[in-house]
């Protein structure tokens, strides 16, 4: 079983505006490190240093002025804490610089600048959205005011006689009477002819032929009557023709019989004897 030690932090001597390498080890990563004022009772962090994921050394730019007394704090993942020896910031021996700006180089400065950029972008977007909403609301308000003014300037509408008649509750046959929501306005006048149905007028009677009943059309019935009359006329003509033919035949038969008898009566005896031997024998 491996033993877990308390975390430690080692800080080299600090010179203003130079880079110092701080070493962190043991404990349970990740580590949170930050400088505090030596002898501070509340251990308030003086800089926002990004967390260290692993043990090792990380560079830090000393951005404190000459004479600053600093102590570094390390806090591991199990909330175990350790402190470094205090360090007093010195001036640069070669250049004699004793002050330094608070520009922090490294991942911490990058994260800070990135957060600032993101915050500015979000704030700008919110501001633009608010301006756009205000503009739309103001434009809608102006449009509503303009429509109200135009409507107020319109001439009053004239009601037609039909609309007044249909909407008047005093009339017995208006629209008001047909609803059930306004029965208190209904005036029932049973003797009023306004609601009376139209008078029934029977249609004119159809013309028909007397003595002839047929369901066929008139044109067809007339053609049938004409054909029957023609048939009767033809039958009468044929009967007359037959009667005339019989009369003619009777006259012809009578004419033929009369000359033969006269011929026999006027014939001479000699001719009769010559013509018939039977007659000759009787004369003897």
Protein backbone atom coordinates (compact mmCIF):
# COMPACT_ATOMS: atom_id res chain seq x y z
CA UNK A 1 0.00 0.00 0.00
CA UNK A 2 1.50 3.30 -1.11
CA UNK A 3 1.72 6.08 1.40
CA UNK A 4 0.29 9.52 0.52
CA UNK A 5 2.36 12.45 1.72
CA UNK A 6 1.30 15.99 2.42
CA UNK A 7 1.68 18.29 -0.58
CA UNK A 8 4.63 20.64 -0.69
CA UNK A 9 5.56 23.80 -2.62
CA UNK A 10 9.02 25.24 -3.21
CA UNK A 11 9.45 28.89 -4.25
CA UNK A 12 12.88 30.22 -5.33
CA UNK A 13 14.07 33.77 -4.56
CA UNK A 14 11.92 36.28 -6.39
CA UNK A 15 13.19 39.17 -8.53
CA UNK A 16 10.76 41.72 -9.89
CA UNK A 17 9.75 41.39 -13.55
CA UNK A 18 11.52 38.05 -13.96
CA UNK A 19 10.30 34.46 -14.35
CA UNK A 20 10.46 32.13 -11.36
CA UNK A 21 9.81 28.37 -11.45
CA UNK A 22 7.66 27.08 -8.60
CA UNK A 23 7.71 23.36 -7.77
CA UNK A 24 4.69 21.42 -6.42
CA UNK A 25 4.66 17.75 -5.41
CA UNK A 26 3.14 14.91 -3.35
CA UNK A 27 -0.47 15.07 -2.21
CA UNK A 28 -3.32 14.30 -4.62
CA UNK A 29 -3.54 16.31 -7.86
CA UNK A 30 -4.92 18.55 -9.18
CA UNK A 31 -3.40 21.36 -7.12
CA UNK A 32 -4.55 24.87 -6.49
CA UNK A 33 -1.70 27.34 -5.86
CA UNK A 34 -1.76 31.08 -5.16
CA UNK A 35 0.37 33.72 -3.40
CA UNK A 36 -0.70 35.51 -0.22
CA UNK A 37 0.79 38.27 1.87
CA UNK A 38 3.13 36.84 4.45
CA UNK A 39 1.60 36.87 7.90
CA UNK A 40 -1.95 37.32 6.53
CA UNK A 41 -4.55 35.88 8.84
CA UNK A 42 -7.26 35.23 6.18
CA UNK A 43 -4.89 33.86 3.48
CA UNK A 44 -6.50 35.90 0.70
CA UNK A 45 -5.20 35.07 -2.78
CA UNK A 46 -3.37 37.92 -4.50
CA UNK A 47 -3.55 36.38 -8.02
CA UNK A 48 -5.75 33.94 -9.88
CA UNK A 49 -3.37 31.14 -10.83
CA UNK A 50 -4.87 28.28 -12.89
CA UNK A 51 -5.00 24.85 -11.26
CA UNK A 52 -2.14 22.42 -11.85
CA UNK A 53 -3.22 18.99 -13.08
CA UNK A 54 0.04 17.25 -12.22
CA UNK A 55 2.97 17.67 -9.87
CA UNK A 56 6.01 19.48 -11.22
CA UNK A 57 7.41 22.95 -11.87
CA UNK A 58 5.48 25.75 -13.57
CA UNK A 59 6.75 29.19 -14.61
CA UNK A 60 5.43 32.34 -12.97
CA UNK A 61 6.25 35.94 -13.87
CA UNK A 62 6.98 37.99 -10.77
CA UNK A 63 4.72 40.99 -11.26
CA UNK A 64 5.10 42.44 -7.78
CA UNK A 65 7.20 45.47 -6.90
CA UNK A 66 10.40 45.44 -4.87
CA UNK A 67 9.85 44.74 -1.17
CA UNK A 68 6.67 42.64 -1.50
CA UNK A 69 6.68 39.84 1.09
CA UNK A 70 4.91 36.77 -0.37
CA UNK A 71 4.06 33.26 0.82
CA UNK A 72 2.75 30.59 -1.55
CA UNK A 73 -0.09 28.20 -0.66
CA UNK A 74 -0.82 24.77 -2.21
CA UNK A 75 -4.15 22.93 -1.80
CA UNK A 76 -4.53 19.40 -3.22
CA UNK A 77 -7.68 17.51 -4.27
CA UNK A 78 -8.27 16.20 -0.72
CA UNK A 79 -8.16 19.73 0.76
CA UNK A 80 -4.79 19.19 2.40
CA UNK A 81 -2.84 22.43 2.52
CA UNK A 82 0.83 23.42 2.71
CA UNK A 83 2.81 26.70 2.71
CA UNK A 84 6.13 27.76 1.27
CA UNK A 85 8.81 29.87 2.92
CA UNK A 86 8.17 33.57 2.68
CA UNK A 87 9.96 35.41 -0.07
CA UNK A 88 10.73 39.14 -0.38
CA UNK A 89 10.79 40.48 -3.92
CA UNK A 90 14.13 42.01 -4.90
CA UNK A 91 15.06 44.59 -7.52
CA UNK A 92 16.92 43.56 -10.65
CA UNK A 93 20.63 43.89 -9.94
CA UNK A 94 21.64 44.59 -13.52
CA UNK A 95 18.99 47.12 -14.51
CA UNK A 96 17.90 48.36 -11.09
CA UNK A 97 14.19 47.96 -11.94
CA UNK A 98 12.12 48.02 -8.77
CA UNK A 99 8.55 48.05 -10.14
CA UNK A 100 6.63 45.80 -12.49
CA UNK A 101 3.24 45.89 -14.17
CA UNK A 102 0.53 43.44 -13.17
CA UNK A 103 0.42 41.74 -16.57
CA UNK A 104 0.36 38.04 -15.90
CA UNK A 105 1.86 35.74 -18.50
CA UNK A 106 0.97 32.09 -18.81
CA UNK A 107 -2.22 30.05 -18.90
CA UNK A 108 -3.82 32.15 -16.20
CA UNK A 109 -3.60 35.31 -18.30
CA UNK A 110 -4.91 33.49 -21.35
CA UNK A 111 -7.91 32.21 -19.45
CA UNK A 112 -8.56 35.65 -17.99
CA UNK A 113 -8.40 37.33 -21.38
CA UNK A 114 -10.61 34.63 -22.89
CA UNK A 115 -13.17 35.06 -20.14
CA UNK A 116 -13.10 38.81 -20.66
CA UNK A 117 -13.65 38.39 -24.40
CA UNK A 118 -16.52 35.96 -23.86
CA UNK A 119 -18.09 38.24 -21.28
CA UNK A 120 -17.81 41.24 -23.58
CA UNK A 121 -19.35 39.32 -26.48
CA UNK A 122 -22.24 38.11 -24.35
CA UNK A 123 -22.83 41.58 -22.95
CA UNK A 124 -22.75 43.11 -26.43
CA UNK A 125 -25.23 40.50 -27.72
CA UNK A 126 -27.60 41.18 -24.84
CA UNK A 127 -27.35 44.92 -25.45
CA UNK A 128 -28.08 44.52 -29.18
CA UNK A 129 -31.05 42.24 -28.44
CA UNK A 130 -32.45 44.81 -26.01
CA UNK A 131 -32.05 47.58 -28.59
CA UNK A 132 -33.78 45.46 -31.25
CA UNK A 133 -36.69 44.62 -28.97
CA UNK A 134 -37.10 48.27 -28.02
CA UNK A 135 -37.07 49.28 -31.70
CA UNK A 136 -39.73 46.69 -32.60
CA UNK A 137 -41.95 47.75 -29.71
CA UNK A 138 -41.61 51.42 -30.65
CA UNK A 139 -42.36 50.67 -34.31
CA UNK A 140 -45.46 48.67 -33.40
CA UNK A 141 -46.64 51.46 -31.13
CA UNK A 142 -46.27 54.04 -33.93
CA UNK A 143 -48.14 51.79 -36.36
CA UNK A 144 -50.96 51.33 -33.86
CA UNK A 145 -51.21 55.08 -33.34
CA UNK A 146 -51.28 55.69 -37.10
CA UNK A 147 -54.06 53.14 -37.61
CA UNK A 148 -56.08 54.69 -34.81
CA UNK A 149 -55.72 58.13 -36.37
CA UNK A 150 -56.76 56.85 -39.80
CA UNK A 151 -59.75 55.08 -38.31
CA UNK A 152 -60.78 58.23 -36.45
CA UNK A 153 -60.62 60.25 -39.70
CA UNK A 154 -62.91 57.86 -41.58
CA UNK A 155 -66.44 59.16 -42.35
CA UNK A 156 -69.23 57.60 -40.28
CA UNK A 157 -70.75 54.53 -41.87
CA UNK A 158 -74.31 54.90 -43.14
CA UNK A 159 -76.65 52.09 -42.19
CA UNK A 160 -78.91 50.82 -44.93
CA UNK A 161 -82.65 50.39 -44.49
CA UNK A 162 -82.34 46.62 -44.90
CA UNK A 163 -79.80 46.28 -42.13
CA UNK A 164 -81.88 48.43 -39.80
CA UNK A 165 -84.99 46.44 -40.62
CA UNK A 166 -83.36 43.08 -40.04
CA UNK A 167 -81.64 44.06 -36.81
CA UNK A 168 -84.55 45.91 -35.23
CA UNK A 169 -86.04 43.98 -32.28
CA UNK A 170 -89.42 45.72 -32.77
CA UNK A 171 -90.09 43.90 -36.01
CA UNK A 172 -91.64 40.45 -35.68
CA UNK A 173 -89.64 38.79 -38.46
CA UNK A 174 -86.19 40.26 -37.92
CA UNK A 175 -82.93 38.49 -37.17
CA UNK A 176 -83.44 39.14 -33.48
CA UNK A 177 -86.48 36.91 -33.37
CA UNK A 178 -84.78 33.83 -34.73
CA UNK A 179 -82.21 33.57 -31.92
CA UNK A 180 -82.74 32.02 -28.53
CA UNK A 181 -80.36 34.30 -26.66
CA UNK A 182 -82.62 37.37 -26.90
CA UNK A 183 -86.10 36.06 -26.22
CA UNK A 184 -86.82 39.07 -24.03
CA UNK A 185 -86.80 41.21 -27.20
CA UNK A 186 -89.26 39.01 -29.13
CA UNK A 187 -92.68 40.48 -29.90
CA UNK A 188 -95.02 37.72 -31.03
CA UNK A 189 -97.72 39.13 -33.29
CA UNK A 190 -99.66 36.10 -34.45
CA UNK A 191 -102.04 38.19 -36.56
CA UNK A 192 -99.24 39.95 -38.42
CA UNK A 193 -99.00 39.05 -42.10
CA UNK A 194 -95.27 39.68 -42.11
CA UNK A 195 -94.57 36.11 -41.04
CA UNK A 196 -97.43 34.55 -43.05
CA UNK A 197 -96.38 32.02 -45.71
CA UNK A 198 -96.95 32.95 -49.37
CA UNK A 199 -100.42 32.25 -50.81
CA UNK A 200 -100.61 29.03 -52.81
CA UNK A 201 -101.53 29.57 -56.47
CA UNK A 202 -102.45 26.30 -58.24
CA UNK A 203 -101.02 25.75 -61.72
CA UNK A 204 -103.20 26.12 -64.84
CA UNK A 205 -105.00 22.89 -65.95
CA UNK A 206 -103.58 21.00 -68.88
CA UNK A 207 -105.58 20.81 -72.16
CA UNK A 208 -106.75 17.33 -73.19
CA UNK A 209 -108.66 15.85 -76.20
CA UNK A 210 -112.30 15.08 -75.43
CA UNK A 211 -113.32 11.45 -75.89
CA UNK A 212 -109.78 10.21 -76.26
CA UNK A 213 -107.65 8.96 -73.42
CA UNK A 214 -104.09 8.19 -74.10
CA UNK A 215 -100.91 8.55 -72.17
CA UNK A 216 -98.93 9.05 -75.36
CA UNK A 217 -97.74 12.51 -76.39
CA UNK A 218 -100.09 14.83 -78.35
CA UNK A 219 -98.06 14.70 -81.54
CA UNK A 220 -98.08 10.92 -81.47
CA UNK A 221 -101.86 10.77 -80.85
CA UNK A 222 -102.55 13.14 -83.76
CA UNK A 223 -100.43 11.02 -86.09
CA UNK A 224 -102.34 7.89 -85.00
CA UNK A 225 -105.71 9.60 -85.67
CA UNK A 226 -104.57 10.72 -89.10
CA UNK A 227 -103.36 7.20 -89.99
CA UNK A 228 -106.68 5.69 -88.86
CA UNK A 229 -108.66 8.19 -90.99
CA UNK A 230 -106.52 7.41 -94.02
CA UNK A 231 -107.09 3.66 -93.49
CA UNK A 232 -110.85 4.16 -93.31
CA UNK A 233 -110.81 6.27 -96.51
CA UNK A 234 -108.81 3.60 -98.34
CA UNK A 235 -111.23 0.89 -97.15
CA UNK A 236 -114.22 2.89 -98.43
CA UNK A 237 -112.49 3.47 -101.78
CA UNK A 238 -111.77 -0.25 -102.12
CA UNK A 239 -115.41 -1.09 -101.29
CA UNK A 240 -116.66 1.35 -103.91
CA UNK A 241 -114.24 -0.09 -106.47
CA UNK A 242 -115.42 -3.63 -105.75
CA UNK A 243 -119.06 -2.56 -106.07
CA UNK A 244 -118.38 -0.89 -109.41
CA UNK A 245 -116.54 -4.01 -110.62
CA UNK A 246 -119.44 -6.28 -109.66
CA UNK A 247 -121.91 -4.00 -111.40
CA UNK A 248 -119.80 -3.96 -114.55
CA UNK A 249 -119.54 -7.76 -114.52
CA UNK A 250 -123.33 -8.15 -114.22
CA UNK A 251 -123.98 -5.81 -117.15
CA UNK A 252 -121.52 -7.69 -119.37
CA UNK A 253 -123.19 -11.09 -118.68
CA UNK A 254 -126.64 -9.77 -119.58
CA UNK A 255 -125.43 -8.29 -122.86
CA UNK A 256 -123.78 -11.56 -123.95
CA UNK A 257 -126.92 -13.72 -123.30
CA UNK A 258 -129.38 -11.58 -125.31
CA UNK A 259 -127.80 -11.82 -128.90
CA UNK A 260 -127.51 -15.65 -128.79
CA UNK A 261 -131.19 -16.09 -128.16
CA UNK A 262 -132.14 -13.75 -131.03
CA UNK A 263 -129.81 -15.60 -133.35
CA UNK A 264 -131.51 -18.93 -132.65
CA UNK A 265 -134.94 -17.41 -133.10
CA UNK A 266 -134.20 -15.73 -136.44
CA UNK A 267 -132.35 -18.62 -138.10
CA UNK A 268 -133.93 -20.19 -141.23
CA UNK A 269 -135.07 -23.79 -141.36
CA UNK A 270 -132.69 -24.70 -144.09
CA UNK A 271 -129.80 -23.47 -142.17
CA UNK A 272 -131.03 -25.26 -139.13
CA UNK A 273 -131.31 -28.52 -140.95
CA UNK A 274 -127.92 -28.00 -142.45
CA UNK A 275 -126.41 -27.17 -139.23
CA UNK A 276 -127.89 -29.98 -137.16
CA UNK A 277 -128.95 -33.46 -138.32
CA UNK A 278 -131.11 -33.82 -135.25
CA UNK A 279 -133.32 -30.99 -136.31
CA UNK A 280 -133.59 -32.37 -139.83
CA UNK A 281 -134.92 -35.61 -138.58
CA UNK A 282 -137.73 -33.95 -136.70
CA UNK A 283 -138.98 -32.15 -139.75
CA UNK A 284 -139.58 -35.18 -141.74
